[in-house]
Amino acid sequence: MNADQAALTRFDGLARLFPLPNVVMFPHAGQDLHIFEPRYRQMTADALNGDALIALAVLREGWENAYDQEPAVEPVACLGRISQHQLLPDGRYNLRLHGLMRIRISEEIRSDKPYRIARAEPIPDITPENTQKLAPLRRRLAQVVLPRFEPTGPVFPHLVELFASSVPLGVLCDMLAYALPLSLHFQLALLLEPHVDIRADALIQSLQISKPHFSRKFPPEFSTN
Protein backbone atom coordinates (compact mmCIF):
# COMPACT_ATOMS: atom_id res chain seq x y z
CA MET A 1 0.00 0.00 0.00
CA ASN A 2 1.47 3.33 -1.06
CA ALA A 3 1.08 6.67 0.71
CA ASP A 4 -1.95 7.71 -1.35
CA GLN A 5 -3.79 4.44 -0.76
CA ALA A 6 -3.00 4.62 2.94
CA ALA A 7 -4.34 8.19 3.07
CA LEU A 8 -7.60 7.14 1.42
CA THR A 9 -8.16 4.44 4.03
CA ARG A 10 -8.01 7.20 6.67
CA PHE A 11 -10.70 9.31 5.02
CA ASP A 12 -13.72 9.22 7.31
CA GLY A 13 -16.15 11.18 5.15
CA LEU A 14 -15.35 14.55 6.72
CA ALA A 15 -13.28 16.89 4.57
CA ARG A 16 -11.42 20.04 5.57
CA LEU A 17 -12.35 22.56 2.88
CA PHE A 18 -9.83 24.91 1.35
CA PRO A 19 -11.90 27.04 -1.04
CA LEU A 20 -10.12 28.91 -3.81
CA PRO A 21 -11.56 31.01 -6.64
CA ASN A 22 -8.96 30.33 -9.32
CA VAL A 23 -7.58 26.80 -8.92
CA VAL A 24 -9.20 23.55 -10.03
CA MET A 25 -7.39 20.59 -8.51
CA PHE A 26 -7.52 17.15 -10.15
CA PRO A 27 -6.77 13.66 -8.89
CA HIS A 28 -3.21 12.54 -9.70
CA ALA A 29 -1.98 16.14 -10.02
CA GLY A 30 0.26 18.10 -7.66
CA GLN A 31 -0.50 21.63 -6.52
CA ASP A 32 1.76 24.02 -4.60
CA LEU A 33 0.00 26.12 -1.98
CA HIS A 34 1.10 29.02 0.20
CA ILE A 35 -0.90 29.11 3.43
CA PHE A 36 -0.97 32.39 5.36
CA GLU A 37 -4.48 33.06 6.69
CA PRO A 38 -4.77 32.05 10.38
CA ARG A 39 -7.79 29.80 9.78
CA TYR A 40 -5.95 27.86 7.09
CA ARG A 41 -2.78 27.66 9.15
CA GLN A 42 -4.92 25.91 11.76
CA MET A 43 -6.42 23.69 9.07
CA THR A 44 -2.94 22.72 7.88
CA ALA A 45 -1.70 22.01 11.39
CA ASP A 46 -4.75 19.83 12.10
CA ALA A 47 -4.27 17.95 8.84
CA LEU A 48 -0.59 17.33 9.53
CA ASN A 49 -1.45 16.09 13.01
CA GLY A 50 -4.13 13.82 11.58
CA ASP A 51 -4.78 12.22 8.20
CA ALA A 52 -2.90 14.87 6.13
CA LEU A 53 -5.99 15.35 3.94
CA ILE A 54 -7.39 18.64 2.61
CA ALA A 55 -10.11 19.13 0.00
CA LEU A 56 -9.48 21.85 -2.56
CA ALA A 57 -12.88 23.34 -3.42
CA VAL A 58 -13.79 25.92 -6.03
CA LEU A 59 -15.67 29.04 -4.96
CA ARG A 60 -18.75 29.80 -7.01
CA GLU A 61 -19.09 33.06 -8.89
CA GLY A 62 -19.95 35.99 -6.64
CA TRP A 63 -17.72 34.80 -3.82
CA GLU A 64 -16.05 38.22 -3.56
CA ASN A 65 -19.03 39.66 -1.69
CA ALA A 66 -18.80 37.13 1.12
CA TYR A 67 -15.23 35.81 1.26
CA ASP A 68 -14.86 36.42 5.00
CA GLN A 69 -18.09 34.51 5.62
CA GLU A 70 -18.88 31.18 3.93
CA PRO A 71 -19.42 31.75 0.20
CA ALA A 72 -20.87 28.85 -1.76
CA VAL A 73 -18.53 26.29 -3.27
CA GLU A 74 -19.02 23.91 -6.18
CA PRO A 75 -20.53 20.55 -5.14
CA VAL A 76 -17.52 18.53 -6.33
CA ALA A 77 -14.03 19.04 -4.90
CA CYS A 78 -10.72 17.22 -5.04
CA LEU A 79 -9.45 15.52 -1.92
CA GLY A 80 -5.68 15.79 -1.64
CA ARG A 81 -2.88 14.55 0.57
CA ILE A 82 -0.17 16.84 1.88
CA SER A 83 2.90 15.17 0.39
CA GLN A 84 5.40 17.88 1.36
CA HIS A 85 5.26 20.79 3.75
CA GLN A 86 7.45 23.58 5.07
CA LEU A 87 6.58 25.51 8.22
CA LEU A 88 7.97 29.02 7.98
CA PRO A 89 9.26 30.95 11.04
CA ASP A 90 6.20 33.22 11.12
CA GLY A 91 3.71 30.33 11.07
CA ARG A 92 2.93 30.30 7.37
CA TYR A 93 3.19 27.07 5.38
CA ASN A 94 4.33 26.04 1.94
CA LEU A 95 2.59 22.84 0.90
CA ARG A 96 2.60 20.34 -1.91
CA LEU A 97 -0.86 18.80 -2.24
CA HIS A 98 -1.28 15.60 -4.25
CA GLY A 99 -4.76 15.01 -5.65
CA LEU A 100 -6.34 11.70 -4.63
CA MET A 101 -9.98 11.60 -5.73
CA ARG A 102 -13.11 13.54 -6.56
CA ILE A 103 -15.53 13.99 -3.69
CA ARG A 104 -19.13 15.17 -3.65
CA ILE A 105 -19.97 17.60 -0.87
CA SER A 106 -23.31 16.71 0.71
CA GLU A 107 -23.42 19.24 3.55
CA GLU A 108 -21.23 21.46 5.63
CA ILE A 109 -21.14 20.83 9.34
CA ARG A 110 -20.70 23.19 12.26
CA SER A 111 -17.64 22.78 14.42
CA ASP A 112 -15.41 24.74 16.76
CA LYS A 113 -12.75 24.98 14.03
CA PRO A 114 -12.12 28.32 12.28
CA TYR A 115 -12.18 26.63 8.86
CA ARG A 116 -14.97 24.88 7.00
CA ILE A 117 -15.66 21.14 7.23
CA ALA A 118 -18.04 19.17 5.04
CA ARG A 119 -19.44 15.69 4.76
CA ALA A 120 -18.39 14.23 1.45
CA GLU A 121 -18.42 10.96 -0.43
CA PRO A 122 -15.94 9.61 -2.98
CA ILE A 123 -16.78 9.84 -6.68
CA PRO A 124 -15.12 6.97 -8.55
CA ASP A 125 -14.46 7.13 -12.27
CA ILE A 126 -17.26 5.61 -14.32
CA THR A 127 -16.07 3.65 -17.35
CA PRO A 128 -18.42 2.63 -20.18
CA GLU A 129 -19.70 -0.94 -20.24
CA ASN A 130 -18.21 -1.23 -23.71
CA THR A 131 -14.54 -0.77 -22.81
CA GLN A 132 -13.60 -1.02 -26.49
CA LYS A 133 -14.56 2.66 -26.74
CA LEU A 134 -11.59 3.65 -24.60
CA ALA A 135 -8.72 2.80 -26.96
CA PRO A 136 -10.05 4.96 -29.87
CA LEU A 137 -10.63 7.84 -27.45
CA ARG A 138 -7.06 7.51 -26.22
CA ARG A 139 -5.74 7.63 -29.80
CA ARG A 140 -7.89 10.64 -30.70
CA LEU A 141 -6.75 12.42 -27.57
CA ALA A 142 -3.12 11.83 -28.49
CA GLN A 143 -3.81 13.14 -31.99
CA VAL A 144 -5.07 16.49 -30.69
CA VAL A 145 -2.61 16.88 -27.81
CA LEU A 146 0.77 15.85 -29.25
CA PRO A 147 0.80 18.34 -32.19
CA ARG A 148 0.66 21.17 -29.66
CA PHE A 149 4.17 20.37 -28.46
CA GLU A 150 7.49 20.61 -30.28
CA PRO A 151 8.76 17.09 -31.13
CA THR A 152 12.25 18.17 -30.12
CA GLY A 153 11.11 19.75 -26.88
CA PRO A 154 11.51 18.24 -23.40
CA VAL A 155 7.79 17.56 -22.85
CA PHE A 156 7.01 15.69 -26.07
CA PRO A 157 8.76 12.35 -25.30
CA HIS A 158 7.14 12.23 -21.86
CA LEU A 159 3.71 12.71 -23.41
CA VAL A 160 4.35 10.01 -26.00
CA GLU A 161 5.40 7.65 -23.21
CA LEU A 162 2.33 8.59 -21.18
CA PHE A 163 -0.09 7.89 -24.03
CA ALA A 164 1.61 4.55 -24.70
CA SER A 165 1.56 3.53 -21.05
CA SER A 166 -1.01 1.51 -19.12
CA VAL A 167 -2.20 4.61 -17.25
CA PRO A 168 -6.03 4.46 -17.29
CA LEU A 169 -7.80 6.89 -19.58
CA GLY A 170 -9.52 8.62 -16.66
CA VAL A 171 -6.20 9.28 -14.97
CA LEU A 172 -4.69 10.48 -18.25
CA CYS A 173 -7.58 12.90 -18.80
CA ASP A 174 -7.21 14.32 -15.30
CA MET A 175 -3.47 14.84 -15.74
CA LEU A 176 -4.03 16.61 -19.06
CA ALA A 177 -6.96 18.66 -17.73
CA TYR A 178 -4.72 20.01 -15.00
CA ALA A 179 -1.56 20.51 -17.07
CA LEU A 180 -2.96 21.94 -20.30
CA PRO A 181 -3.69 25.69 -20.45
CA LEU A 182 -7.47 25.34 -20.31
CA SER A 183 -9.94 27.90 -19.02
CA LEU A 184 -11.01 27.70 -15.42
CA HIS A 185 -14.64 27.06 -16.39
CA PHE A 186 -13.73 24.17 -18.66
CA GLN A 187 -11.45 22.65 -16.04
CA LEU A 188 -14.32 22.82 -13.57
CA ALA A 189 -16.63 21.09 -16.04
CA LEU A 190 -14.08 18.29 -16.40
CA LEU A 191 -13.78 17.95 -12.63
CA LEU A 192 -17.56 17.64 -12.35
CA GLU A 193 -17.67 14.83 -14.95
CA PRO A 194 -17.20 11.31 -13.51
CA HIS A 195 -17.74 9.45 -16.82
CA VAL A 196 -14.33 8.75 -18.33
CA ASP A 197 -15.52 8.57 -21.95
CA ILE A 198 -17.48 11.84 -21.70
CA ARG A 199 -14.51 13.56 -20.05
CA ALA A 200 -12.14 12.35 -22.78
CA ASP A 201 -14.52 13.33 -25.57
CA ALA A 202 -15.00 16.80 -24.07
CA LEU A 203 -11.23 17.30 -24.01
CA ILE A 204 -10.93 16.15 -27.60
CA GLN A 205 -13.75 18.38 -28.83
CA SER A 206 -12.39 21.42 -27.01
CA LEU A 207 -8.87 20.97 -28.34
CA GLN A 208 -10.16 20.42 -31.87
CA ILE A 209 -12.32 23.52 -31.88
CA SER A 210 -9.91 26.08 -30.57
CA LYS A 211 -6.42 26.48 -29.26
CA PRO A 212 -6.53 26.69 -25.46
CA HIS A 213 -5.42 29.98 -23.96
CA PHE A 214 -3.01 30.11 -21.06
CA SER A 215 -5.05 30.66 -17.91
CA ARG A 216 -2.01 30.26 -15.62
CA LYS A 217 1.62 29.30 -15.72
CA PHE A 218 2.62 25.66 -15.75
CA PRO A 219 4.00 24.49 -13.46
CA PRO A 220 1.77 26.80 -11.42
CA GLU A 221 3.05 29.32 -8.96
CA PHE A 222 2.02 29.15 -5.31
CA SER A 223 -1.72 29.68 -4.94
CA THR A 224 -2.82 32.27 -2.41
CA ASN A 225 -5.56 31.97 0.16
C-alpha atoms as a PDB file:
ATOM      1  CA  MET A   1       0.000   0.000   0.000  1.00  0.00           C
ATOM      2  CA  ASN A   2       1.474   3.327  -1.057  1.00  0.00           C
ATOM      3  CA  ALA A   3       1.075   6.674   0.712  1.00  0.00           C
ATOM      4  CA  ASP A   4      -1.952   7.710  -1.349  1.00  0.00           C
ATOM      5  CA  GLN A   5      -3.785   4.441  -0.759  1.00  0.00           C
ATOM      6  CA  ALA A   6      -3.004   4.618   2.940  1.00  0.00           C
ATOM      7  CA  ALA A   7      -4.338   8.186   3.067  1.00  0.00           C
ATOM      8  CA  LEU A   8      -7.599   7.140   1.418  1.00  0.00           C
ATOM      9  CA  THR A   9      -8.158   4.443   4.028  1.00  0.00           C
ATOM     10  CA  ARG A  10      -8.006   7.195   6.673  1.00  0.00           C
ATOM     11  CA  PHE A  11     -10.697   9.311   5.024  1.00  0.00           C
ATOM     12  CA  ASP A  12     -13.724   9.220   7.313  1.00  0.00           C
ATOM     13  CA  GLY A  13     -16.149  11.180   5.151  1.00  0.00           C
ATOM     14  CA  LEU A  14     -15.351  14.548   6.724  1.00  0.00           C
ATOM     15  CA  ALA A  15     -13.285  16.891   4.568  1.00  0.00           C
ATOM     16  CA  ARG A  16     -11.422  20.039   5.569  1.00  0.00           C
ATOM     17  CA  LEU A  17     -12.351  22.557   2.881  1.00  0.00           C
ATOM     18  CA  PHE A  18      -9.829  24.907   1.354  1.00  0.00           C
ATOM     19  CA  PRO A  19     -11.904  27.039  -1.041  1.00  0.00           C
ATOM     20  CA  LEU A  20     -10.116  28.905  -3.813  1.00  0.00           C
ATOM     21  CA  PRO A  21     -11.558  31.005  -6.638  1.00  0.00           C
ATOM     22  CA  ASN A  22      -8.959  30.328  -9.316  1.00  0.00           C
ATOM     23  CA  VAL A  23      -7.577  26.802  -8.919  1.00  0.00           C
ATOM     24  CA  VAL A  24      -9.196  23.551 -10.031  1.00  0.00           C
ATOM     25  CA  MET A  25      -7.385  20.588  -8.511  1.00  0.00           C
ATOM     26  CA  PHE A  26      -7.521  17.152 -10.155  1.00  0.00           C
ATOM     27  CA  PRO A  27      -6.772  13.662  -8.890  1.00  0.00           C
ATOM     28  CA  HIS A  28      -3.213  12.536  -9.699  1.00  0.00           C
ATOM     29  CA  ALA A  29      -1.980  16.144 -10.022  1.00  0.00           C
ATOM     30  CA  GLY A  30       0.259  18.097  -7.664  1.00  0.00           C
ATOM     31  CA  GLN A  31      -0.503  21.627  -6.515  1.00  0.00           C
ATOM     32  CA  ASP A  32       1.756  24.025  -4.603  1.00  0.00           C
ATOM     33  CA  LEU A  33       0.003  26.119  -1.983  1.00  0.00           C
ATOM     34  CA  HIS A  34       1.097  29.018   0.199  1.00  0.00           C
ATOM     35  CA  ILE A  35      -0.904  29.111   3.434  1.00  0.00           C
ATOM     36  CA  PHE A  36      -0.967  32.393   5.360  1.00  0.00           C
ATOM     37  CA  GLU A  37      -4.482  33.061   6.695  1.00  0.00           C
ATOM     38  CA  PRO A  38      -4.770  32.046  10.379  1.00  0.00           C
ATOM     39  CA  ARG A  39      -7.786  29.799   9.781  1.00  0.00           C
ATOM     40  CA  TYR A  40      -5.953  27.855   7.085  1.00  0.00           C
ATOM     41  CA  ARG A  41      -2.784  27.661   9.145  1.00  0.00           C
ATOM     42  CA  GLN A  42      -4.920  25.913  11.764  1.00  0.00           C
ATOM     43  CA  MET A  43      -6.421  23.688   9.069  1.00  0.00           C
ATOM     44  CA  THR A  44      -2.945  22.722   7.885  1.00  0.00           C
ATOM     45  CA  ALA A  45      -1.704  22.010  11.393  1.00  0.00           C
ATOM     46  CA  ASP A  46      -4.752  19.832  12.103  1.00  0.00           C
ATOM     47  CA  ALA A  47      -4.273  17.947   8.844  1.00  0.00           C
ATOM     48  CA  LEU A  48      -0.595  17.328   9.533  1.00  0.00           C
ATOM     49  CA  ASN A  49      -1.448  16.091  13.014  1.00  0.00           C
ATOM     50  CA  GLY A  50      -4.134  13.816  11.582  1.00  0.00           C
ATOM     51  CA  ASP A  51      -4.781  12.222   8.198  1.00  0.00           C
ATOM     52  CA  ALA A  52      -2.896  14.871   6.125  1.00  0.00           C
ATOM     53  CA  LEU A  53      -5.990  15.352   3.945  1.00  0.00           C
ATOM     54  CA  ILE A  54      -7.387  18.641   2.606  1.00  0.00           C
ATOM     55  CA  ALA A  55     -10.106  19.129  -0.004  1.00  0.00           C
ATOM     56  CA  LEU A  56      -9.482  21.847  -2.559  1.00  0.00           C
ATOM     57  CA  ALA A  57     -12.875  23.338  -3.416  1.00  0.00           C
ATOM     58  CA  VAL A  58     -13.791  25.917  -6.033  1.00  0.00           C
ATOM     59  CA  LEU A  59     -15.669  29.037  -4.963  1.00  0.00           C
ATOM     60  CA  ARG A  60     -18.751  29.802  -7.011  1.00  0.00           C
ATOM     61  CA  GLU A  61     -19.090  33.062  -8.886  1.00  0.00           C
ATOM     62  CA  GLY A  62     -19.952  35.992  -6.645  1.00  0.00           C
ATOM     63  CA  TRP A  63     -17.722  34.799  -3.817  1.00  0.00           C
ATOM     64  CA  GLU A  64     -16.049  38.224  -3.561  1.00  0.00           C
ATOM     65  CA  ASN A  65     -19.033  39.658  -1.695  1.00  0.00           C
ATOM     66  CA  ALA A  66     -18.805  37.126   1.124  1.00  0.00           C
ATOM     67  CA  TYR A  67     -15.234  35.812   1.257  1.00  0.00           C
ATOM     68  CA  ASP A  68     -14.865  36.418   5.005  1.00  0.00           C
ATOM     69  CA  GLN A  69     -18.091  34.512   5.624  1.00  0.00           C
ATOM     70  CA  GLU A  70     -18.884  31.183   3.927  1.00  0.00           C
ATOM     71  CA  PRO A  71     -19.423  31.748   0.199  1.00  0.00           C
ATOM     72  CA  ALA A  72     -20.867  28.849  -1.756  1.00  0.00           C
ATOM     73  CA  VAL A  73     -18.534  26.286  -3.267  1.00  0.00           C
ATOM     74  CA  GLU A  74     -19.024  23.911  -6.177  1.00  0.00           C
ATOM     75  CA  PRO A  75     -20.527  20.549  -5.139  1.00  0.00           C
ATOM     76  CA  VAL A  76     -17.517  18.535  -6.334  1.00  0.00           C
ATOM     77  CA  ALA A  77     -14.035  19.044  -4.905  1.00  0.00           C
ATOM     78  CA  CYS A  78     -10.716  17.224  -5.040  1.00  0.00           C
ATOM     79  CA  LEU A  79      -9.449  15.516  -1.916  1.00  0.00           C
ATOM     80  CA  GLY A  80      -5.682  15.792  -1.644  1.00  0.00           C
ATOM     81  CA  ARG A  81      -2.882  14.547   0.569  1.00  0.00           C
ATOM     82  CA  ILE A  82      -0.167  16.843   1.881  1.00  0.00           C
ATOM     83  CA  SER A  83       2.899  15.173   0.394  1.00  0.00           C
ATOM     84  CA  GLN A  84       5.396  17.881   1.360  1.00  0.00           C
ATOM     85  CA  HIS A  85       5.262  20.791   3.750  1.00  0.00           C
ATOM     86  CA  GLN A  86       7.452  23.576   5.072  1.00  0.00           C
ATOM     87  CA  LEU A  87       6.583  25.506   8.215  1.00  0.00           C
ATOM     88  CA  LEU A  88       7.974  29.019   7.976  1.00  0.00           C
ATOM     89  CA  PRO A  89       9.257  30.952  11.037  1.00  0.00           C
ATOM     90  CA  ASP A  90       6.197  33.222  11.124  1.00  0.00           C
ATOM     91  CA  GLY A  91       3.713  30.329  11.066  1.00  0.00           C
ATOM     92  CA  ARG A  92       2.931  30.301   7.365  1.00  0.00           C
ATOM     93  CA  TYR A  93       3.193  27.069   5.381  1.00  0.00           C
ATOM     94  CA  ASN A  94       4.331  26.044   1.941  1.00  0.00           C
ATOM     95  CA  LEU A  95       2.594  22.844   0.895  1.00  0.00           C
ATOM     96  CA  ARG A  96       2.604  20.338  -1.907  1.00  0.00           C
ATOM     97  CA  LEU A  97      -0.855  18.797  -2.239  1.00  0.00           C
ATOM     98  CA  HIS A  98      -1.276  15.595  -4.250  1.00  0.00           C
ATOM     99  CA  GLY A  99      -4.764  15.007  -5.646  1.00  0.00           C
ATOM    100  CA  LEU A 100      -6.344  11.704  -4.631  1.00  0.00           C
ATOM    101  CA  MET A 101      -9.981  11.600  -5.732  1.00  0.00           C
ATOM    102  CA  ARG A 102     -13.110  13.540  -6.556  1.00  0.00           C
ATOM    103  CA  ILE A 103     -15.526  13.990  -3.689  1.00  0.00           C
ATOM    104  CA  ARG A 104     -19.125  15.172  -3.651  1.00  0.00           C
ATOM    105  CA  ILE A 105     -19.974  17.600  -0.865  1.00  0.00           C
ATOM    106  CA  SER A 106     -23.306  16.708   0.707  1.00  0.00           C
ATOM    107  CA  GLU A 107     -23.424  19.236   3.547  1.00  0.00           C
ATOM    108  CA  GLU A 108     -21.230  21.463   5.631  1.00  0.00           C
ATOM    109  CA  ILE A 109     -21.143  20.827   9.338  1.00  0.00           C
ATOM    110  CA  ARG A 110     -20.702  23.188  12.264  1.00  0.00           C
ATOM    111  CA  SER A 111     -17.638  22.778  14.420  1.00  0.00           C
ATOM    112  CA  ASP A 112     -15.409  24.743  16.761  1.00  0.00           C
ATOM    113  CA  LYS A 113     -12.746  24.985  14.031  1.00  0.00           C
ATOM    114  CA  PRO A 114     -12.116  28.319  12.284  1.00  0.00           C
ATOM    115  CA  TYR A 115     -12.177  26.628   8.857  1.00  0.00           C
ATOM    116  CA  ARG A 116     -14.968  24.879   6.997  1.00  0.00           C
ATOM    117  CA  ILE A 117     -15.656  21.144   7.227  1.00  0.00           C
ATOM    118  CA  ALA A 118     -18.042  19.165   5.044  1.00  0.00           C
ATOM    119  CA  ARG A 119     -19.439  15.689   4.756  1.00  0.00           C
ATOM    120  CA  ALA A 120     -18.391  14.228   1.450  1.00  0.00           C
ATOM    121  CA  GLU A 121     -18.425  10.957  -0.428  1.00  0.00           C
ATOM    122  CA  PRO A 122     -15.945   9.613  -2.984  1.00  0.00           C
ATOM    123  CA  ILE A 123     -16.784   9.844  -6.685  1.00  0.00           C
ATOM    124  CA  PRO A 124     -15.119   6.970  -8.551  1.00  0.00           C
ATOM    125  CA  ASP A 125     -14.458   7.133 -12.266  1.00  0.00           C
ATOM    126  CA  ILE A 126     -17.257   5.608 -14.317  1.00  0.00           C
ATOM    127  CA  THR A 127     -16.073   3.654 -17.352  1.00  0.00           C
ATOM    128  CA  PRO A 128     -18.418   2.634 -20.181  1.00  0.00           C
ATOM    129  CA  GLU A 129     -19.697  -0.942 -20.238  1.00  0.00           C
ATOM    130  CA  ASN A 130     -18.209  -1.226 -23.712  1.00  0.00           C
ATOM    131  CA  THR A 131     -14.545  -0.769 -22.805  1.00  0.00           C
ATOM    132  CA  GLN A 132     -13.597  -1.020 -26.486  1.00  0.00           C
ATOM    133  CA  LYS A 133     -14.564   2.655 -26.739  1.00  0.00           C
ATOM    134  CA  LEU A 134     -11.585   3.647 -24.601  1.00  0.00           C
ATOM    135  CA  ALA A 135      -8.722   2.796 -26.964  1.00  0.00           C
ATOM    136  CA  PRO A 136     -10.055   4.959 -29.872  1.00  0.00           C
ATOM    137  CA  LEU A 137     -10.627   7.841 -27.446  1.00  0.00           C
ATOM    138  CA  ARG A 138      -7.059   7.513 -26.224  1.00  0.00           C
ATOM    139  CA  ARG A 139      -5.744   7.629 -29.805  1.00  0.00           C
ATOM    140  CA  ARG A 140      -7.889  10.640 -30.700  1.00  0.00           C
ATOM    141  CA  LEU A 141      -6.751  12.423 -27.569  1.00  0.00           C
ATOM    142  CA  ALA A 142      -3.119  11.827 -28.492  1.00  0.00           C
ATOM    143  CA  GLN A 143      -3.810  13.139 -31.991  1.00  0.00           C
ATOM    144  CA  VAL A 144      -5.067  16.492 -30.693  1.00  0.00           C
ATOM    145  CA  VAL A 145      -2.609  16.879 -27.806  1.00  0.00           C
ATOM    146  CA  LEU A 146       0.766  15.852 -29.249  1.00  0.00           C
ATOM    147  CA  PRO A 147       0.803  18.340 -32.188  1.00  0.00           C
ATOM    148  CA  ARG A 148       0.663  21.171 -29.662  1.00  0.00           C
ATOM    149  CA  PHE A 149       4.168  20.372 -28.464  1.00  0.00           C
ATOM    150  CA  GLU A 150       7.488  20.614 -30.285  1.00  0.00           C
ATOM    151  CA  PRO A 151       8.757  17.089 -31.133  1.00  0.00           C
ATOM    152  CA  THR A 152      12.253  18.168 -30.123  1.00  0.00           C
ATOM    153  CA  GLY A 153      11.108  19.751 -26.877  1.00  0.00           C
ATOM    154  CA  PRO A 154      11.512  18.243 -23.399  1.00  0.00           C
ATOM    155  CA  VAL A 155       7.792  17.563 -22.846  1.00  0.00           C
ATOM    156  CA  PHE A 156       7.013  15.687 -26.071  1.00  0.00           C
ATOM    157  CA  PRO A 157       8.763  12.354 -25.295  1.00  0.00           C
ATOM    158  CA  HIS A 158       7.139  12.226 -21.859  1.00  0.00           C
ATOM    159  CA  LEU A 159       3.706  12.711 -23.408  1.00  0.00           C
ATOM    160  CA  VAL A 160       4.354  10.010 -25.996  1.00  0.00           C
ATOM    161  CA  GLU A 161       5.396   7.654 -23.215  1.00  0.00           C
ATOM    162  CA  LEU A 162       2.326   8.590 -21.176  1.00  0.00           C
ATOM    163  CA  PHE A 163      -0.092   7.889 -24.031  1.00  0.00           C
ATOM    164  CA  ALA A 164       1.614   4.547 -24.699  1.00  0.00           C
ATOM    165  CA  SER A 165       1.562   3.528 -21.046  1.00  0.00           C
ATOM    166  CA  SER A 166      -1.008   1.513 -19.115  1.00  0.00           C
ATOM    167  CA  VAL A 167      -2.204   4.606 -17.247  1.00  0.00           C
ATOM    168  CA  PRO A 168      -6.031   4.457 -17.288  1.00  0.00           C
ATOM    169  CA  LEU A 169      -7.797   6.893 -19.584  1.00  0.00           C
ATOM    170  CA  GLY A 170      -9.522   8.620 -16.662  1.00  0.00           C
ATOM    171  CA  VAL A 171      -6.196   9.281 -14.967  1.00  0.00           C
ATOM    172  CA  LEU A 172      -4.689  10.477 -18.251  1.00  0.00           C
ATOM    173  CA  CYS A 173      -7.576  12.899 -18.796  1.00  0.00           C
ATOM    174  CA  ASP A 174      -7.207  14.319 -15.297  1.00  0.00           C
ATOM    175  CA  MET A 175      -3.468  14.839 -15.744  1.00  0.00           C
ATOM    176  CA  LEU A 176      -4.033  16.615 -19.062  1.00  0.00           C
ATOM    177  CA  ALA A 177      -6.959  18.657 -17.731  1.00  0.00           C
ATOM    178  CA  TYR A 178      -4.716  20.009 -15.002  1.00  0.00           C
ATOM    179  CA  ALA A 179      -1.564  20.506 -17.066  1.00  0.00           C
ATOM    180  CA  LEU A 180      -2.956  21.945 -20.302  1.00  0.00           C
ATOM    181  CA  PRO A 181      -3.693  25.690 -20.448  1.00  0.00           C
ATOM    182  CA  LEU A 182      -7.471  25.336 -20.306  1.00  0.00           C
ATOM    183  CA  SER A 183      -9.939  27.897 -19.024  1.00  0.00           C
ATOM    184  CA  LEU A 184     -11.012  27.703 -15.419  1.00  0.00           C
ATOM    185  CA  HIS A 185     -14.639  27.063 -16.389  1.00  0.00           C
ATOM    186  CA  PHE A 186     -13.727  24.171 -18.657  1.00  0.00           C
ATOM    187  CA  GLN A 187     -11.452  22.652 -16.038  1.00  0.00           C
ATOM    188  CA  LEU A 188     -14.315  22.824 -13.569  1.00  0.00           C
ATOM    189  CA  ALA A 189     -16.630  21.093 -16.038  1.00  0.00           C
ATOM    190  CA  LEU A 190     -14.079  18.286 -16.397  1.00  0.00           C
ATOM    191  CA  LEU A 191     -13.777  17.953 -12.626  1.00  0.00           C
ATOM    192  CA  LEU A 192     -17.557  17.636 -12.345  1.00  0.00           C
ATOM    193  CA  GLU A 193     -17.669  14.834 -14.946  1.00  0.00           C
ATOM    194  CA  PRO A 194     -17.202  11.306 -13.509  1.00  0.00           C
ATOM    195  CA  HIS A 195     -17.742   9.451 -16.817  1.00  0.00           C
ATOM    196  CA  VAL A 196     -14.335   8.747 -18.331  1.00  0.00           C
ATOM    197  CA  ASP A 197     -15.518   8.570 -21.950  1.00  0.00           C
ATOM    198  CA  ILE A 198     -17.480  11.840 -21.704  1.00  0.00           C
ATOM    199  CA  ARG A 199     -14.506  13.559 -20.051  1.00  0.00           C
ATOM    200  CA  ALA A 200     -12.139  12.346 -22.782  1.00  0.00           C
ATOM    201  CA  ASP A 201     -14.522  13.330 -25.567  1.00  0.00           C
ATOM    202  CA  ALA A 202     -15.001  16.801 -24.073  1.00  0.00           C
ATOM    203  CA  LEU A 203     -11.231  17.302 -24.006  1.00  0.00           C
ATOM    204  CA  ILE A 204     -10.932  16.151 -27.600  1.00  0.00           C
ATOM    205  CA  GLN A 205     -13.750  18.384 -28.833  1.00  0.00           C
ATOM    206  CA  SER A 206     -12.394  21.419 -27.012  1.00  0.00           C
ATOM    207  CA  LEU A 207      -8.867  20.973 -28.344  1.00  0.00           C
ATOM    208  CA  GLN A 208     -10.158  20.422 -31.869  1.00  0.00           C
ATOM    209  CA  ILE A 209     -12.323  23.517 -31.879  1.00  0.00           C
ATOM    210  CA  SER A 210      -9.906  26.079 -30.567  1.00  0.00           C
ATOM    211  CA  LYS A 211      -6.423  26.484 -29.261  1.00  0.00           C
ATOM    212  CA  PRO A 212      -6.534  26.694 -25.457  1.00  0.00           C
ATOM    213  CA  HIS A 213      -5.420  29.981 -23.958  1.00  0.00           C
ATOM    214  CA  PHE A 214      -3.010  30.112 -21.063  1.00  0.00           C
ATOM    215  CA  SER A 215      -5.052  30.657 -17.908  1.00  0.00           C
ATOM    216  CA  ARG A 216      -2.006  30.259 -15.625  1.00  0.00           C
ATOM    217  CA  LYS A 217       1.618  29.297 -15.724  1.00  0.00           C
ATOM    218  CA  PHE A 218       2.623  25.660 -15.745  1.00  0.00           C
ATOM    219  CA  PRO A 219       4.004  24.486 -13.464  1.00  0.00           C
ATOM    220  CA  PRO A 220       1.772  26.801 -11.422  1.00  0.00           C
ATOM    221  CA  GLU A 221       3.049  29.321  -8.960  1.00  0.00           C
ATOM    222  CA  PHE A 222       2.023  29.154  -5.313  1.00  0.00           C
ATOM    223  CA  SER A 223      -1.719  29.678  -4.935  1.00  0.00           C
ATOM    224  CA  THR A 224      -2.821  32.267  -2.413  1.00  0.00           C
ATOM    225  CA  ASN A 225      -5.561  31.974   0.156  1.00  0.00           C
END
